């Protein structure tokens, strides 16, 4: 078990669930849900004051997190997506009920031989967000979660 965080700006001590929840939905663990889940989150991102380029980056990172959740953790049949604002950040959490995995220590280097069909998700998510953290679930929740964080412009910190 373990929590590994991107060496950027997120601290595991954040009480993330105490922020303002903007969206929460459980989807079947099926690759066909990824476009709809991305669409739902992108609508929130676009209304948050984040630039179009930053929304595009966050959308790509979310696509990677959702694809990983479906492919590697969807054995329990569901993927949850939650989006909230907390202390000037837009936070996206992708959770699945699968067995989880022990992620490598960050930073997440891009694998050699870029044409590989897997192994690029963690480095891409880390590059495309202001902070990223992958956590294995606890005894109560199980599964694993990926947190993606994008700093909000100061004028929009209270969505």
N, C-alpha and C. Protein backbone atom coordinates (compact mmCIF):
# COMPACT_ATOMS: atom_id res chain seq x y z
N UNK A 1 0.85 -1.18 0.00
CA UNK A 1 0.00 0.00 0.00
C UNK A 1 0.89 1.23 0.00
N UNK A 2 0.38 2.29 -0.58
CA UNK A 2 1.18 3.49 -0.53
C UNK A 2 0.58 4.61 -1.33
N UNK A 3 0.91 5.79 -0.95
CA UNK A 3 0.52 6.98 -1.68
C UNK A 3 1.79 7.62 -2.21
N UNK A 4 1.77 7.94 -3.47
CA UNK A 4 2.91 8.60 -4.07
C UNK A 4 2.40 9.84 -4.75
N UNK A 5 3.05 10.94 -4.51
CA UNK A 5 2.55 12.18 -5.04
C UNK A 5 3.55 12.81 -5.98
N UNK A 6 2.99 13.55 -6.91
CA UNK A 6 3.81 14.29 -7.85
C UNK A 6 4.59 15.34 -7.06
N UNK A 7 5.85 15.57 -7.39
CA UNK A 7 6.63 16.56 -6.63
C UNK A 7 6.29 17.98 -7.06
N UNK A 8 5.02 18.29 -7.09
CA UNK A 8 4.61 19.63 -7.48
C UNK A 8 3.97 20.30 -6.28
N UNK A 9 2.69 20.56 -6.30
CA UNK A 9 2.09 21.41 -5.27
C UNK A 9 1.00 20.78 -4.42
N UNK A 10 0.71 19.52 -4.56
CA UNK A 10 -0.37 18.94 -3.76
C UNK A 10 0.20 18.24 -2.54
N UNK A 11 -0.47 18.37 -1.45
CA UNK A 11 -0.04 17.72 -0.22
C UNK A 11 -1.10 16.70 0.19
N UNK A 12 -0.69 15.49 0.58
CA UNK A 12 -1.70 14.51 0.97
C UNK A 12 -2.46 14.91 2.22
N UNK A 13 -1.99 15.94 2.94
CA UNK A 13 -2.70 16.39 4.13
C UNK A 13 -3.94 17.22 3.80
N UNK A 14 -4.11 17.60 2.53
CA UNK A 14 -5.30 18.36 2.16
C UNK A 14 -6.55 17.56 2.50
N UNK A 15 -7.50 18.21 3.08
CA UNK A 15 -8.78 17.55 3.33
C UNK A 15 -9.63 17.75 2.08
N UNK A 16 -9.30 17.03 1.01
CA UNK A 16 -9.88 17.29 -0.31
C UNK A 16 -11.39 17.21 -0.32
N UNK A 17 -11.96 16.29 0.43
CA UNK A 17 -13.40 16.12 0.36
C UNK A 17 -14.18 17.22 1.07
N UNK A 18 -13.50 18.17 1.70
CA UNK A 18 -14.20 19.25 2.38
C UNK A 18 -14.40 20.46 1.49
N UNK A 19 -13.95 20.39 0.24
CA UNK A 19 -14.13 21.49 -0.70
C UNK A 19 -15.53 21.49 -1.27
N UNK A 20 -15.75 22.37 -2.23
CA UNK A 20 -17.07 22.48 -2.85
C UNK A 20 -17.22 21.49 -3.99
N UNK A 21 -17.99 20.43 -3.77
CA UNK A 21 -18.21 19.41 -4.78
C UNK A 21 -19.02 20.00 -5.92
N UNK A 22 -18.50 19.85 -7.13
CA UNK A 22 -19.15 20.39 -8.32
C UNK A 22 -19.82 19.30 -9.15
N UNK A 23 -19.30 18.10 -9.09
CA UNK A 23 -19.81 17.01 -9.92
C UNK A 23 -19.33 15.69 -9.32
N UNK A 24 -20.20 14.70 -9.31
CA UNK A 24 -19.81 13.36 -8.89
C UNK A 24 -20.72 12.38 -9.61
N UNK A 25 -20.09 11.39 -10.23
CA UNK A 25 -20.88 10.42 -10.98
C UNK A 25 -20.15 9.09 -11.04
N UNK A 26 -20.91 8.02 -10.96
CA UNK A 26 -20.35 6.68 -11.10
C UNK A 26 -20.74 6.17 -12.48
N UNK A 27 -19.76 5.63 -13.20
CA UNK A 27 -19.95 5.11 -14.54
C UNK A 27 -19.63 3.63 -14.57
N UNK A 28 -20.20 2.90 -15.53
CA UNK A 28 -19.75 1.52 -15.71
C UNK A 28 -18.29 1.52 -16.19
N UNK A 29 -17.55 0.51 -15.81
CA UNK A 29 -16.14 0.40 -16.21
C UNK A 29 -16.10 -0.10 -17.65
N UNK A 30 -16.32 0.82 -18.56
CA UNK A 30 -16.40 0.50 -19.97
C UNK A 30 -15.75 1.66 -20.72
N UNK A 31 -14.90 1.36 -21.67
CA UNK A 31 -14.20 2.40 -22.42
C UNK A 31 -15.16 3.37 -23.10
N UNK A 32 -16.37 2.93 -23.35
CA UNK A 32 -17.34 3.81 -24.02
C UNK A 32 -17.79 4.97 -23.14
N UNK A 33 -17.53 4.91 -21.82
CA UNK A 33 -17.93 6.01 -20.93
C UNK A 33 -16.93 7.16 -20.95
N UNK A 34 -15.72 6.90 -21.39
CA UNK A 34 -14.66 7.90 -21.30
C UNK A 34 -15.04 9.21 -21.99
N UNK A 35 -15.55 9.20 -23.23
CA UNK A 35 -15.90 10.49 -23.86
C UNK A 35 -16.96 11.28 -23.07
N UNK A 36 -18.00 10.61 -22.56
CA UNK A 36 -19.03 11.31 -21.81
C UNK A 36 -18.48 11.88 -20.50
N UNK A 37 -17.70 11.10 -19.79
CA UNK A 37 -17.11 11.58 -18.54
C UNK A 37 -16.20 12.77 -18.79
N UNK A 38 -15.40 12.71 -19.85
CA UNK A 38 -14.53 13.83 -20.20
C UNK A 38 -15.37 15.06 -20.54
N UNK A 39 -16.44 14.87 -21.28
CA UNK A 39 -17.32 15.97 -21.66
C UNK A 39 -17.91 16.65 -20.43
N UNK A 40 -18.38 15.85 -19.48
CA UNK A 40 -18.98 16.40 -18.26
C UNK A 40 -17.97 17.23 -17.48
N UNK A 41 -16.75 16.71 -17.34
CA UNK A 41 -15.72 17.44 -16.59
C UNK A 41 -15.24 18.67 -17.35
N UNK A 42 -15.15 18.58 -18.68
CA UNK A 42 -14.69 19.70 -19.48
C UNK A 42 -15.65 20.89 -19.37
N UNK A 43 -16.93 20.62 -19.27
CA UNK A 43 -17.91 21.70 -19.11
C UNK A 43 -17.65 22.47 -17.82
N UNK A 44 -17.31 21.77 -16.76
CA UNK A 44 -16.99 22.42 -15.49
C UNK A 44 -15.69 23.21 -15.64
N UNK A 45 -14.71 22.60 -16.25
CA UNK A 45 -13.42 23.26 -16.45
C UNK A 45 -13.59 24.57 -17.22
N UNK A 46 -14.38 24.53 -18.28
CA UNK A 46 -14.57 25.71 -19.11
C UNK A 46 -15.27 26.84 -18.36
N UNK A 47 -16.10 26.50 -17.39
CA UNK A 47 -16.79 27.53 -16.63
C UNK A 47 -15.97 28.04 -15.44
N UNK A 48 -14.79 27.44 -15.21
CA UNK A 48 -13.99 27.78 -14.04
C UNK A 48 -13.06 28.97 -14.23
N UNK A 49 -12.90 29.43 -15.47
CA UNK A 49 -11.98 30.52 -15.72
C UNK A 49 -10.61 30.06 -16.16
N UNK A 50 -10.40 28.76 -16.22
CA UNK A 50 -9.14 28.21 -16.73
C UNK A 50 -9.11 28.44 -18.24
N UNK A 51 -7.94 28.75 -18.79
CA UNK A 51 -7.83 29.03 -20.22
C UNK A 51 -8.19 27.80 -21.04
N UNK A 52 -8.49 28.03 -22.31
CA UNK A 52 -8.82 26.92 -23.21
C UNK A 52 -7.67 25.93 -23.30
N UNK A 53 -6.44 26.43 -23.37
CA UNK A 53 -5.28 25.53 -23.44
C UNK A 53 -5.16 24.67 -22.19
N UNK A 54 -5.39 25.28 -21.01
CA UNK A 54 -5.32 24.53 -19.76
C UNK A 54 -6.46 23.51 -19.68
N UNK A 55 -7.65 23.88 -20.17
CA UNK A 55 -8.77 22.92 -20.20
C UNK A 55 -8.42 21.74 -21.10
N UNK A 56 -7.80 22.02 -22.25
CA UNK A 56 -7.40 20.95 -23.15
C UNK A 56 -6.40 20.02 -22.48
N UNK A 57 -5.42 20.61 -21.78
CA UNK A 57 -4.43 19.79 -21.07
C UNK A 57 -5.09 18.93 -20.00
N UNK A 58 -5.99 19.54 -19.23
CA UNK A 58 -6.67 18.79 -18.17
C UNK A 58 -7.57 17.70 -18.77
N UNK A 59 -8.20 18.00 -19.88
CA UNK A 59 -9.04 17.02 -20.56
C UNK A 59 -8.21 15.82 -21.02
N UNK A 60 -7.03 16.06 -21.57
CA UNK A 60 -6.17 14.96 -21.99
C UNK A 60 -5.71 14.14 -20.79
N UNK A 61 -5.33 14.81 -19.72
CA UNK A 61 -4.91 14.10 -18.50
C UNK A 61 -6.06 13.25 -17.95
N UNK A 62 -7.26 13.82 -17.95
CA UNK A 62 -8.43 13.09 -17.46
C UNK A 62 -8.70 11.87 -18.34
N UNK A 63 -8.55 12.03 -19.64
CA UNK A 63 -8.74 10.89 -20.54
C UNK A 63 -7.79 9.75 -20.20
N UNK A 64 -6.54 10.08 -19.88
CA UNK A 64 -5.57 9.06 -19.47
C UNK A 64 -5.98 8.40 -18.16
N UNK A 65 -6.41 9.20 -17.20
CA UNK A 65 -6.81 8.66 -15.89
C UNK A 65 -8.03 7.75 -16.03
N UNK A 66 -8.99 8.17 -16.83
CA UNK A 66 -10.19 7.35 -17.03
C UNK A 66 -9.86 6.05 -17.77
N UNK A 67 -9.05 6.16 -18.80
CA UNK A 67 -8.65 4.97 -19.56
C UNK A 67 -7.92 3.98 -18.65
N UNK A 68 -7.02 4.49 -17.81
CA UNK A 68 -6.31 3.62 -16.86
C UNK A 68 -7.29 2.96 -15.89
N UNK A 69 -8.25 3.75 -15.39
CA UNK A 69 -9.22 3.20 -14.43
C UNK A 69 -10.04 2.09 -15.06
N UNK A 70 -10.45 2.28 -16.30
CA UNK A 70 -11.24 1.26 -16.99
C UNK A 70 -10.38 0.04 -17.30
N UNK A 71 -9.20 0.29 -17.84
CA UNK A 71 -8.34 -0.82 -18.29
C UNK A 71 -7.74 -1.62 -17.14
N UNK A 72 -7.24 -0.91 -16.13
CA UNK A 72 -6.49 -1.58 -15.08
C UNK A 72 -7.27 -1.81 -13.79
N UNK A 73 -8.34 -1.08 -13.60
CA UNK A 73 -9.02 -1.19 -12.31
C UNK A 73 -10.50 -1.42 -12.38
N UNK A 74 -11.01 -1.66 -13.56
CA UNK A 74 -12.44 -1.78 -13.71
C UNK A 74 -13.00 -3.15 -13.39
N UNK A 75 -12.22 -3.98 -12.72
CA UNK A 75 -12.68 -5.34 -12.44
C UNK A 75 -13.91 -5.36 -11.55
N UNK A 76 -14.16 -4.30 -10.82
CA UNK A 76 -15.34 -4.24 -9.95
C UNK A 76 -16.54 -3.62 -10.66
N UNK A 77 -16.37 -3.26 -11.93
CA UNK A 77 -17.51 -2.83 -12.73
C UNK A 77 -17.87 -1.37 -12.69
N UNK A 78 -17.07 -0.51 -12.03
CA UNK A 78 -17.42 0.90 -11.98
C UNK A 78 -16.17 1.78 -11.97
N UNK A 79 -16.40 3.01 -12.39
CA UNK A 79 -15.40 4.08 -12.30
C UNK A 79 -16.16 5.30 -11.79
N UNK A 80 -15.61 5.98 -10.81
CA UNK A 80 -16.23 7.19 -10.27
C UNK A 80 -15.40 8.40 -10.68
N UNK A 81 -16.08 9.46 -11.04
CA UNK A 81 -15.43 10.73 -11.34
C UNK A 81 -16.05 11.79 -10.43
N UNK A 82 -15.20 12.50 -9.73
CA UNK A 82 -15.66 13.62 -8.89
C UNK A 82 -14.81 14.84 -9.23
N UNK A 83 -15.45 15.99 -9.24
CA UNK A 83 -14.77 17.26 -9.51
C UNK A 83 -15.20 18.24 -8.44
N UNK A 84 -14.23 18.93 -7.84
CA UNK A 84 -14.56 19.95 -6.86
C UNK A 84 -13.50 21.03 -6.87
N UNK A 85 -13.86 22.15 -6.25
CA UNK A 85 -12.89 23.22 -6.06
C UNK A 85 -12.48 23.22 -4.60
N UNK A 86 -11.21 23.50 -4.40
CA UNK A 86 -10.68 23.51 -3.04
C UNK A 86 -9.47 24.42 -3.00
N UNK A 87 -9.52 25.43 -2.18
CA UNK A 87 -8.41 26.34 -1.94
C UNK A 87 -7.75 26.81 -3.24
N UNK A 88 -8.58 27.27 -4.18
CA UNK A 88 -8.05 27.84 -5.42
C UNK A 88 -7.62 26.81 -6.45
N UNK A 89 -8.07 25.58 -6.30
CA UNK A 89 -7.73 24.53 -7.25
C UNK A 89 -8.98 23.84 -7.75
N UNK A 90 -8.92 23.38 -8.98
CA UNK A 90 -9.93 22.48 -9.52
C UNK A 90 -9.33 21.09 -9.41
N UNK A 91 -10.03 20.19 -8.73
CA UNK A 91 -9.51 18.85 -8.44
C UNK A 91 -10.44 17.82 -9.06
N UNK A 92 -9.84 16.91 -9.80
CA UNK A 92 -10.58 15.81 -10.40
C UNK A 92 -10.07 14.52 -9.79
N UNK A 93 -11.00 13.67 -9.37
CA UNK A 93 -10.62 12.37 -8.81
C UNK A 93 -11.28 11.28 -9.64
N UNK A 94 -10.46 10.37 -10.13
CA UNK A 94 -10.95 9.20 -10.84
C UNK A 94 -10.68 8.01 -9.93
N UNK A 95 -11.74 7.29 -9.57
CA UNK A 95 -11.60 6.16 -8.65
C UNK A 95 -12.18 4.91 -9.29
N UNK A 96 -11.53 3.79 -9.04
CA UNK A 96 -12.07 2.51 -9.49
C UNK A 96 -11.97 1.52 -8.34
N UNK A 97 -12.73 0.46 -8.42
CA UNK A 97 -12.77 -0.51 -7.34
C UNK A 97 -11.87 -1.71 -7.56
N UNK A 98 -11.00 -1.64 -8.55
CA UNK A 98 -10.11 -2.76 -8.83
C UNK A 98 -9.04 -2.95 -7.78
N UNK A 99 -8.08 -3.82 -8.06
CA UNK A 99 -7.07 -4.16 -7.07
C UNK A 99 -6.03 -3.07 -6.82
N UNK A 100 -5.98 -2.06 -7.66
CA UNK A 100 -4.98 -1.01 -7.49
C UNK A 100 -3.60 -1.51 -7.89
N UNK A 101 -2.63 -0.65 -7.76
CA UNK A 101 -1.27 -1.02 -8.10
C UNK A 101 -0.32 -0.14 -7.31
N UNK A 102 0.90 -0.54 -7.26
CA UNK A 102 1.92 0.24 -6.56
C UNK A 102 2.65 1.08 -7.60
N UNK A 103 2.28 2.37 -7.73
CA UNK A 103 2.90 3.19 -8.76
C UNK A 103 4.37 3.45 -8.45
N UNK A 104 5.15 3.70 -9.50
CA UNK A 104 6.55 4.03 -9.26
C UNK A 104 6.67 5.38 -8.55
N UNK A 105 7.80 5.61 -7.94
CA UNK A 105 8.04 6.90 -7.29
C UNK A 105 8.10 8.01 -8.35
N UNK A 106 7.48 9.16 -8.11
CA UNK A 106 7.60 10.28 -9.04
C UNK A 106 9.00 10.88 -8.96
N UNK A 107 9.44 11.61 -9.93
CA UNK A 107 8.70 11.94 -11.14
C UNK A 107 8.57 10.73 -12.04
N UNK A 108 7.57 10.81 -12.91
CA UNK A 108 7.26 9.70 -13.79
C UNK A 108 7.92 9.95 -15.15
N UNK A 109 9.04 9.29 -15.43
CA UNK A 109 9.74 9.57 -16.69
C UNK A 109 8.98 8.97 -17.88
N UNK A 110 9.07 9.65 -19.01
CA UNK A 110 8.48 9.13 -20.23
C UNK A 110 9.30 7.90 -20.63
N UNK A 111 8.65 6.79 -20.94
CA UNK A 111 9.41 5.58 -21.27
C UNK A 111 10.23 5.76 -22.54
N UNK A 112 11.37 5.11 -22.57
CA UNK A 112 12.19 5.11 -23.78
C UNK A 112 11.39 4.40 -24.87
N UNK A 113 11.64 4.75 -26.10
CA UNK A 113 10.87 4.13 -27.18
C UNK A 113 9.45 4.62 -27.17
N UNK A 114 9.24 5.91 -27.33
CA UNK A 114 7.94 6.55 -27.22
C UNK A 114 6.81 5.82 -27.92
N UNK A 115 7.03 5.07 -29.02
CA UNK A 115 5.91 4.40 -29.66
C UNK A 115 5.27 3.28 -28.83
N UNK A 116 5.71 3.07 -27.61
CA UNK A 116 5.12 2.02 -26.77
C UNK A 116 3.61 2.23 -26.65
N UNK A 117 2.88 1.13 -26.49
CA UNK A 117 1.42 1.23 -26.39
C UNK A 117 0.94 1.45 -24.96
N UNK A 118 1.83 1.41 -23.98
CA UNK A 118 1.44 1.71 -22.61
C UNK A 118 2.64 2.28 -21.88
N UNK A 119 2.37 2.83 -20.69
CA UNK A 119 3.44 3.38 -19.88
C UNK A 119 3.60 4.88 -19.98
N UNK A 120 2.78 5.52 -20.80
CA UNK A 120 2.91 6.98 -20.95
C UNK A 120 1.89 7.75 -20.12
N UNK A 121 0.90 7.06 -19.55
CA UNK A 121 -0.19 7.75 -18.86
C UNK A 121 0.25 8.58 -17.68
N UNK A 122 1.00 8.00 -16.76
CA UNK A 122 1.44 8.76 -15.57
C UNK A 122 2.31 9.95 -15.94
N UNK A 123 3.33 9.79 -16.83
CA UNK A 123 4.11 10.98 -17.18
C UNK A 123 3.29 12.04 -17.89
N UNK A 124 2.35 11.64 -18.72
CA UNK A 124 1.51 12.64 -19.39
C UNK A 124 0.63 13.37 -18.39
N UNK A 125 0.00 12.63 -17.49
CA UNK A 125 -0.86 13.28 -16.49
C UNK A 125 -0.06 14.25 -15.63
N UNK A 126 1.15 13.86 -15.26
CA UNK A 126 1.99 14.72 -14.44
C UNK A 126 2.38 15.99 -15.19
N UNK A 127 2.67 15.85 -16.47
CA UNK A 127 3.07 17.00 -17.28
C UNK A 127 1.90 17.94 -17.56
N UNK A 128 0.72 17.40 -17.74
CA UNK A 128 -0.44 18.19 -18.17
C UNK A 128 -1.21 18.85 -17.03
N UNK A 129 -0.85 18.58 -15.78
CA UNK A 129 -1.56 19.15 -14.63
C UNK A 129 -0.60 19.94 -13.77
N UNK A 130 -1.15 20.69 -12.82
CA UNK A 130 -0.31 21.40 -11.86
C UNK A 130 0.15 20.47 -10.74
N UNK A 131 -0.60 19.42 -10.52
CA UNK A 131 -0.22 18.38 -9.55
C UNK A 131 -1.01 17.13 -9.86
N UNK A 132 -0.43 16.00 -9.51
CA UNK A 132 -1.07 14.72 -9.78
C UNK A 132 -0.65 13.76 -8.69
N UNK A 133 -1.59 12.94 -8.22
CA UNK A 133 -1.28 11.97 -7.19
C UNK A 133 -2.06 10.69 -7.47
N UNK A 134 -1.41 9.56 -7.30
CA UNK A 134 -2.05 8.26 -7.44
C UNK A 134 -2.04 7.60 -6.07
N UNK A 135 -3.20 7.12 -5.62
CA UNK A 135 -3.32 6.50 -4.30
C UNK A 135 -4.02 5.16 -4.42
N UNK A 136 -3.52 4.20 -3.69
CA UNK A 136 -4.27 2.96 -3.53
C UNK A 136 -5.29 3.18 -2.45
N UNK A 137 -6.43 2.55 -2.58
CA UNK A 137 -7.50 2.71 -1.60
C UNK A 137 -7.14 2.11 -0.26
N UNK A 138 -7.92 2.47 0.73
CA UNK A 138 -7.71 1.94 2.08
C UNK A 138 -8.57 0.69 2.28
N UNK A 139 -8.55 0.17 3.49
CA UNK A 139 -9.29 -1.06 3.79
C UNK A 139 -10.79 -0.89 3.59
N UNK A 140 -11.31 0.32 3.80
CA UNK A 140 -12.74 0.56 3.64
C UNK A 140 -13.15 0.72 2.19
N UNK A 141 -12.34 1.46 1.44
CA UNK A 141 -12.74 1.81 0.08
C UNK A 141 -12.14 0.90 -0.97
N UNK A 142 -10.92 0.44 -0.78
CA UNK A 142 -10.27 -0.40 -1.79
C UNK A 142 -10.01 0.38 -3.07
N UNK A 143 -9.65 -0.34 -4.12
CA UNK A 143 -9.44 0.28 -5.41
C UNK A 143 -8.26 1.24 -5.42
N UNK A 144 -8.30 2.16 -6.36
CA UNK A 144 -7.27 3.18 -6.44
C UNK A 144 -7.88 4.46 -6.99
N UNK A 145 -7.21 5.57 -6.72
CA UNK A 145 -7.67 6.88 -7.16
C UNK A 145 -6.53 7.65 -7.78
N UNK A 146 -6.86 8.41 -8.80
CA UNK A 146 -5.92 9.36 -9.39
C UNK A 146 -6.52 10.74 -9.19
N UNK A 147 -5.73 11.64 -8.62
CA UNK A 147 -6.14 13.03 -8.41
C UNK A 147 -5.39 13.90 -9.40
N UNK A 148 -6.13 14.74 -10.12
CA UNK A 148 -5.55 15.70 -11.05
C UNK A 148 -5.90 17.09 -10.56
N UNK A 149 -4.93 17.97 -10.49
CA UNK A 149 -5.15 19.30 -9.92
C UNK A 149 -4.73 20.37 -10.92
N UNK A 150 -5.59 21.37 -11.07
CA UNK A 150 -5.30 22.54 -11.89
C UNK A 150 -5.59 23.77 -11.06
N UNK A 151 -4.61 24.67 -10.96
CA UNK A 151 -4.80 25.91 -10.20
C UNK A 151 -5.79 26.80 -10.93
N UNK A 152 -6.73 27.36 -10.18
CA UNK A 152 -7.71 28.28 -10.75
C UNK A 152 -7.16 29.70 -10.77
N UNK A 153 -7.57 30.48 -11.75
CA UNK A 153 -7.20 31.90 -11.71
C UNK A 153 -7.75 32.52 -10.43
N UNK A 154 -7.04 33.48 -9.87
CA UNK A 154 -7.44 34.06 -8.58
C UNK A 154 -8.85 34.58 -8.56
N UNK A 155 -9.32 35.15 -9.65
CA UNK A 155 -10.67 35.72 -9.69
C UNK A 155 -11.75 34.65 -9.62
N UNK A 156 -11.40 33.39 -9.89
CA UNK A 156 -12.40 32.32 -9.95
C UNK A 156 -12.20 31.26 -8.86
N UNK A 157 -11.52 31.58 -7.79
CA UNK A 157 -11.22 30.54 -6.81
C UNK A 157 -12.45 30.03 -6.09
N UNK A 158 -13.56 30.72 -6.13
CA UNK A 158 -14.78 30.22 -5.50
C UNK A 158 -15.81 29.97 -6.59
N UNK A 159 -15.73 28.82 -7.24
CA UNK A 159 -16.64 28.49 -8.32
C UNK A 159 -18.04 28.33 -7.74
